Protein backbone atom coordinates (compact mmCIF):
# COMPACT_ATOMS: atom_id res chain seq x y z
CA MET A 1 -3.85 -23.81 -34.90
CA ILE A 2 -0.86 -22.49 -33.09
CA LYS A 3 -0.79 -19.38 -35.38
CA LYS A 4 -4.43 -18.83 -34.63
CA ILE A 5 -3.78 -18.99 -30.93
CA LYS A 6 -0.96 -16.57 -31.23
CA ARG A 7 -3.23 -14.31 -33.15
CA TYR A 8 -5.74 -14.35 -30.45
CA PHE A 9 -3.19 -13.81 -27.78
CA LYS A 10 -1.87 -10.85 -29.63
CA TYR A 11 -5.36 -9.45 -30.08
CA PHE A 12 -6.22 -9.60 -26.46
CA TYR A 13 -2.83 -8.18 -25.49
CA TYR A 14 -3.54 -5.10 -27.49
CA ILE A 15 -6.96 -4.77 -25.85
CA TYR A 16 -5.35 -5.06 -22.40
CA TYR A 17 -2.59 -2.67 -23.34
CA PHE A 18 -5.15 -0.10 -24.68
CA ILE A 19 -7.19 -0.39 -21.48
CA GLY A 20 -4.19 -0.18 -19.33
CA MET A 21 -2.83 2.92 -21.01
CA SER A 22 -6.19 4.61 -20.83
CA LYS A 23 -6.05 4.04 -17.09
CA VAL A 24 -2.55 5.37 -16.88
CA ASN A 25 -3.52 8.56 -18.80
CA MET A 26 -6.59 9.07 -16.53
CA ALA A 27 -4.39 8.67 -13.43
CA LEU A 28 -1.84 11.09 -14.72
CA SER A 29 -4.62 13.59 -15.61
CA ARG A 30 -6.20 13.26 -12.13
CA ALA A 31 -2.77 13.72 -10.50
CA ALA A 32 -2.12 16.84 -12.60
CA ALA A 33 -5.50 18.26 -11.64
CA THR A 34 -5.39 17.44 -7.88
CA SER A 35 -1.75 18.31 -7.29
CA GLY A 36 -2.22 21.82 -8.73
CA LEU A 37 -4.93 22.57 -6.04
CA ARG A 38 -2.44 21.99 -3.11
CA LYS A 39 -1.15 24.74 -0.86
CA ILE A 40 1.71 22.91 0.67
CA ASP A 41 2.86 23.44 4.17
CA GLU A 42 5.96 21.46 4.79
CA THR A 43 5.06 20.88 8.27
CA ASP A 44 1.50 19.54 7.61
CA PRO A 45 1.27 16.02 5.88
CA LEU A 46 -2.28 16.41 4.92
CA SER A 47 -1.38 19.43 2.74
CA TRP A 48 0.90 17.22 0.61
CA GLU A 49 -2.02 15.01 -0.61
CA PHE A 50 -2.97 14.43 -4.22
CA SER A 51 -4.37 11.36 -5.93
CA GLY A 52 -3.64 9.90 -9.37
CA PHE A 53 -2.94 6.19 -9.07
CA SER A 54 -3.44 5.73 -5.29
CA GLN A 55 -6.88 5.21 -3.55
CA SER A 56 -6.70 8.47 -1.77
CA GLY A 57 -4.12 11.20 -1.38
CA GLY A 58 -1.19 8.84 -0.99
CA ASP A 59 0.59 9.84 -4.21
CA GLY A 60 1.04 13.39 -2.93
CA ILE A 61 2.28 12.26 0.46
CA ILE A 62 4.81 9.71 -0.97
CA ASP A 63 5.88 12.13 -3.57
CA PHE A 64 6.70 14.85 -1.04
CA LEU A 65 8.41 12.54 1.34
CA THR A 66 10.65 10.92 -1.20
CA ARG A 67 11.94 14.24 -2.13
CA LYS A 68 12.99 14.88 1.47
CA ILE A 69 15.03 11.60 1.90
CA LEU A 70 18.62 12.37 2.49
CA ASN A 71 20.09 9.44 0.57
CA PRO A 72 17.48 8.07 -1.87
CA ASN A 73 17.99 4.95 -3.90
CA ARG A 74 14.83 5.57 -6.07
CA TYR A 75 13.53 2.02 -5.27
CA PHE A 76 10.32 0.70 -3.90
CA ILE A 77 8.62 -2.51 -2.85
CA GLU A 78 4.89 -2.86 -2.94
CA ILE A 79 2.90 -5.92 -1.72
CA GLY A 80 -0.66 -5.98 -2.96
CA ALA A 81 0.17 -3.99 -6.02
CA ASN A 82 -2.94 -4.97 -7.93
CA ASP A 83 -2.41 -4.51 -11.69
CA GLY A 84 0.52 -2.16 -11.20
CA ILE A 85 -1.67 0.92 -12.03
CA GLU A 86 -3.94 1.25 -9.11
CA ASN A 87 -1.69 1.33 -6.02
CA ASN A 88 0.74 3.44 -4.11
CA THR A 89 3.88 3.22 -6.13
CA ALA A 90 2.63 3.61 -9.78
CA TRP A 91 3.15 7.33 -9.47
CA LEU A 92 6.79 6.73 -8.59
CA ALA A 93 7.17 4.33 -11.45
CA PHE A 94 5.54 6.34 -14.19
CA ALA A 95 6.12 9.95 -13.14
CA ARG A 96 9.39 9.70 -11.18
CA ARG A 97 11.09 6.85 -13.04
CA TYR A 98 11.56 4.76 -9.92
CA THR A 99 12.34 1.17 -10.08
CA GLY A 100 11.00 -1.54 -7.82
CA ILE A 101 9.10 -4.62 -7.14
CA MET A 102 5.29 -5.02 -7.36
CA VAL A 103 3.86 -8.14 -5.77
CA ASP A 104 0.31 -9.48 -6.04
CA GLY A 105 -1.31 -12.90 -5.24
CA ASN A 106 -3.74 -12.69 -8.10
CA PRO A 107 -2.12 -14.26 -11.26
CA LYS A 108 -4.26 -12.09 -13.68
CA LEU A 109 -3.37 -8.89 -12.04
CA SER A 110 0.36 -9.82 -11.88
CA TRP A 111 0.11 -10.76 -15.62
CA ARG A 112 -1.23 -7.30 -16.46
CA CYS A 113 1.43 -5.70 -14.35
CA LYS A 114 4.24 -7.72 -15.99
CA TYR A 115 3.16 -7.29 -19.60
CA LEU A 116 1.72 -3.76 -19.43
CA LEU A 117 4.15 -1.98 -16.98
CA SER A 118 7.38 -3.78 -17.64
CA PRO A 119 7.78 -2.50 -21.11
CA LEU A 120 7.31 1.07 -19.91
CA CYS A 121 8.84 0.91 -16.38
CA GLN A 122 11.58 -0.99 -14.78
CA ILE A 123 9.30 -2.99 -12.68
CA ASP A 124 9.82 -6.63 -11.51
CA ALA A 125 6.28 -8.05 -11.32
CA ILE A 126 5.95 -11.08 -8.89
CA ASN A 127 2.86 -13.23 -8.53
CA LEU A 128 2.96 -14.46 -4.91
CA PHE A 129 0.53 -14.69 -1.99
CA VAL A 130 2.92 -13.33 0.61
CA ASP A 131 2.87 -14.77 4.10
CA LYS A 132 5.26 -14.74 7.02
CA ASP A 133 7.24 -17.79 5.72
CA ASN A 134 7.91 -16.76 2.17
CA ILE A 135 9.52 -13.31 2.70
CA GLY A 136 12.71 -14.88 1.46
CA VAL A 137 11.39 -14.83 -2.18
CA ILE A 138 11.15 -10.98 -2.01
CA LYS A 139 14.44 -10.62 -0.22
CA GLU A 140 16.14 -12.63 -2.97
CA LYS A 141 14.59 -10.38 -5.52
CA ALA A 142 15.02 -7.08 -3.87
CA LEU A 143 17.85 -4.78 -5.15
CA TYR A 144 17.85 -2.95 -1.68
CA LEU A 145 16.80 -3.85 1.75
CA ASN A 146 16.27 -0.19 2.49
CA PRO A 147 13.93 0.94 -0.26
CA ASP A 148 12.76 4.56 -0.28
CA VAL A 149 9.12 3.23 -0.06
CA PHE A 150 7.65 -0.02 1.15
CA SER A 151 3.82 -0.25 0.78
CA LEU A 152 1.47 -2.98 1.88
CA ASP A 153 -2.25 -3.58 1.12
CA ILE A 154 -3.33 -7.17 1.27
CA ASP A 155 -6.56 -7.09 3.27
CA GLY A 156 -5.48 -10.06 5.33
CA ILE A 157 -2.53 -10.98 7.54
CA ASP A 158 -0.95 -7.62 7.07
CA TYR A 159 0.56 -7.46 10.60
CA TYR A 160 2.43 -10.69 10.26
CA VAL A 161 3.82 -9.91 6.90
CA VAL A 162 5.15 -6.46 7.96
CA GLU A 163 6.60 -8.01 11.13
CA ALA A 164 8.42 -10.71 9.04
CA ILE A 165 9.63 -8.22 6.51
CA LEU A 166 11.21 -6.03 9.33
CA ASN A 167 12.65 -9.11 11.07
CA ALA A 168 14.17 -10.22 7.74
CA GLY A 169 16.44 -7.16 7.74
CA PHE A 170 14.43 -4.71 5.62
CA LYS A 171 14.46 -1.19 6.76
CA PRO A 172 12.38 1.01 4.40
CA LYS A 173 12.79 4.72 4.64
CA ILE A 174 8.96 5.27 4.19
CA ILE A 175 6.32 2.71 5.15
CA VAL A 176 2.77 2.92 3.91
CA VAL A 177 0.17 0.43 5.34
CA GLU A 178 -3.53 0.02 4.95
CA TYR A 179 -5.36 -0.06 8.25
CA ASN A 180 -8.70 -1.45 9.14
CA SER A 181 -10.85 1.42 10.38
CA CYS A 182 -13.60 -0.80 11.74
CA PHE A 183 -11.32 -1.47 14.69
CA GLY A 184 -11.69 2.20 15.57
CA PRO A 185 -9.14 4.65 16.78
CA ASP A 186 -8.05 3.28 20.15
CA MET A 187 -7.70 -0.54 19.98
CA LYS A 188 -4.26 -2.08 19.36
CA VAL A 189 -5.22 -5.26 17.62
CA THR A 190 -4.78 -7.48 14.63
CA ILE A 191 -6.59 -10.61 13.35
CA GLU A 192 -5.29 -13.98 14.21
CA TYR A 193 -2.93 -15.47 11.61
CA HIS A 194 -4.82 -17.44 8.99
CA GLU A 195 -3.30 -19.47 6.25
CA GLY A 196 -5.64 -19.36 3.24
CA ILE A 197 -7.55 -16.44 4.61
CA TYR A 198 -8.83 -15.32 1.28
CA GLU A 199 -10.24 -18.69 0.41
CA LYS A 200 -11.91 -18.87 3.83
CA ARG A 201 -13.52 -15.45 3.27
CA GLU A 202 -14.79 -16.44 -0.18
CA LYS A 203 -16.36 -19.56 1.44
CA GLY A 204 -18.03 -17.48 4.07
CA LEU A 205 -15.96 -18.99 6.85
CA LEU A 206 -14.64 -15.56 7.86
CA PRO A 207 -16.48 -12.15 7.77
CA GLY A 208 -15.55 -9.90 4.89
CA ILE A 209 -14.29 -7.12 7.07
CA TYR A 210 -12.23 -9.34 9.38
CA TRP A 211 -8.76 -8.41 8.17
CA GLY A 212 -5.75 -6.41 8.91
CA VAL A 213 -4.61 -4.24 11.70
CA SER A 214 -5.98 -1.20 13.67
CA VAL A 215 -4.18 2.03 13.16
CA ASN A 216 -2.99 2.08 16.82
CA GLY A 217 -1.69 -1.51 16.35
CA TRP A 218 0.42 -0.28 13.46
CA LYS A 219 1.67 2.58 15.58
CA THR A 220 2.65 0.13 18.34
CA LEU A 221 4.38 -2.33 16.09
CA LEU A 222 6.34 0.16 14.01
CA ALA A 223 7.45 2.28 16.99
CA LYS A 224 9.38 -0.77 18.10
CA TYR A 225 11.42 -0.52 14.95
CA GLY A 226 12.15 3.07 15.17
CA TYR A 227 9.42 4.49 12.86
CA LYS A 228 7.59 7.75 13.48
CA PHE A 229 3.91 7.97 12.58
CA LEU A 230 2.88 10.90 10.42
CA THR A 231 -0.78 10.70 9.49
CA VAL A 232 -3.48 8.69 7.99
CA ASP A 233 -4.84 10.01 4.70
CA SER A 234 -7.95 12.00 4.51
CA ASN A 235 -10.12 9.15 3.19
CA GLY A 236 -9.09 6.65 5.90
CA VAL A 237 -7.25 4.29 3.78
CA ASP A 238 -3.43 4.18 4.65
CA ALA A 239 -1.18 5.14 7.50
CA PHE A 240 2.18 6.73 6.78
CA PHE A 241 5.36 6.25 8.76
CA ILE A 242 9.00 7.35 8.31
CA ASN A 243 12.43 6.26 9.59
CA PRO A 244 13.55 9.62 11.04
CA LYS A 245 17.28 8.74 10.54
CA GLU A 246 16.64 9.02 6.81
CA PHE A 247 15.53 12.58 6.93
CA ASP A 248 16.86 15.93 7.95
CA SER A 249 16.45 16.34 11.73
CA LYS A 250 15.08 19.82 11.50
CA PHE A 251 12.37 18.60 8.87
CA VAL A 252 11.37 15.74 11.21
CA SER A 253 11.24 18.00 14.35
CA GLN A 254 8.99 20.56 12.75
CA LEU A 255 6.45 17.92 11.36
CA LYS A 256 2.96 18.14 12.70
CA GLU A 257 0.94 14.88 13.29
CA GLY A 258 -1.84 14.85 10.92
CA LEU A 259 -4.91 12.84 11.25
CA ALA A 260 -4.71 9.99 13.90
CA PHE A 261 -7.69 8.24 12.59
CA ARG A 262 -10.40 8.46 9.89
CA ASN A 263 -13.21 6.23 8.92
CA ASN A 264 -12.40 4.33 5.67
CA PHE A 265 -14.57 6.07 3.07
CA SER A 266 -15.27 2.80 1.07
CA THR A 267 -16.43 0.84 4.03
CA PHE A 268 -18.38 3.91 5.44
CA TRP A 269 -20.20 4.08 2.06
CA ALA A 270 -20.77 0.29 1.76
CA PHE A 271 -22.21 -0.16 5.25
CA LYS A 272 -23.84 3.34 5.60
CA THR A 273 -22.50 3.55 9.10
CA ASP A 274 -19.32 4.35 10.94
CA TRP A 275 -16.64 2.00 12.37
CA GLY A 276 -18.47 1.36 15.75
CA LYS A 277 -21.41 -0.50 14.04
CA GLN A 278 -19.03 -2.10 11.67
CA PHE A 279 -17.06 -3.52 14.46
CA GLU A 280 -20.29 -5.13 15.85
CA LEU A 281 -20.23 -7.48 12.96
CA ILE A 282 -16.82 -8.93 13.91
CA LYS A 283 -16.59 -8.41 17.64
CA ASP A 284 -16.90 -12.08 18.37
CA SER A 285 -14.14 -12.93 15.90
CA PRO A 286 -10.76 -13.62 17.48
CA LEU A 287 -8.41 -10.70 17.82
CA VAL A 288 -4.85 -10.54 19.02
CA GLU A 289 -3.78 -7.54 21.20
CA ILE A 290 -0.56 -5.93 20.08
CA LYS A 291 1.73 -4.89 22.81
């Protein structure tokens, strides 16, 4: 019986491995195709974009910026890393041979990350629903508190997790955070802190688009910690920030501010309308102003 179980496990592992490697090859091919179309202007963040593993042009922005860091440690931390392939740091792991931590709250996705990526890349896959009270788990595992890249995409209590990360002594050189475009370009807000937010959404106790932070909310929070806003990506998914002290001052001074805001392409497609009408669906849900 045990031998039969082991055989089945091995069989399914090979299936997952084949699927995973197919996704990796597709991502690398997409990256090669889109990166070759760029006309890079070192002062314009939008010209750096290309997409392989990331949802939008984040691979290109991150790739360009990491090459400009004065003292890189070639290390990243990503919270909300999915299966380790569809995220903001897989390009660094596969193409640039970075090491790092990939955290996800879904045990199946973390399992895929651990058993598919770890043999190929030097990745520490952690299964953890991150909240403001368990940052110590990540701090204990981290090799550096100043990783080249920190990325967060958890569609939930994002604001509180980033605030806790920074208050715990982390000082990433580049920060990439997903923003909720349904809050629009001007509001400085986040949702209330909810324990078990994902379960509440699944049970219909919270609206599906009630999550995260407005882009102006991120700008307000991260400015307090010395970060400079660069741009959002052209598909309205992530916002990009740098610690100016980690880059050449001439490079930083010449940077143009890219897009200040863009409707998220996925929610725009799903709702067939822009952020204003999307916000109508959650306007009565409690929000916290960021000051």
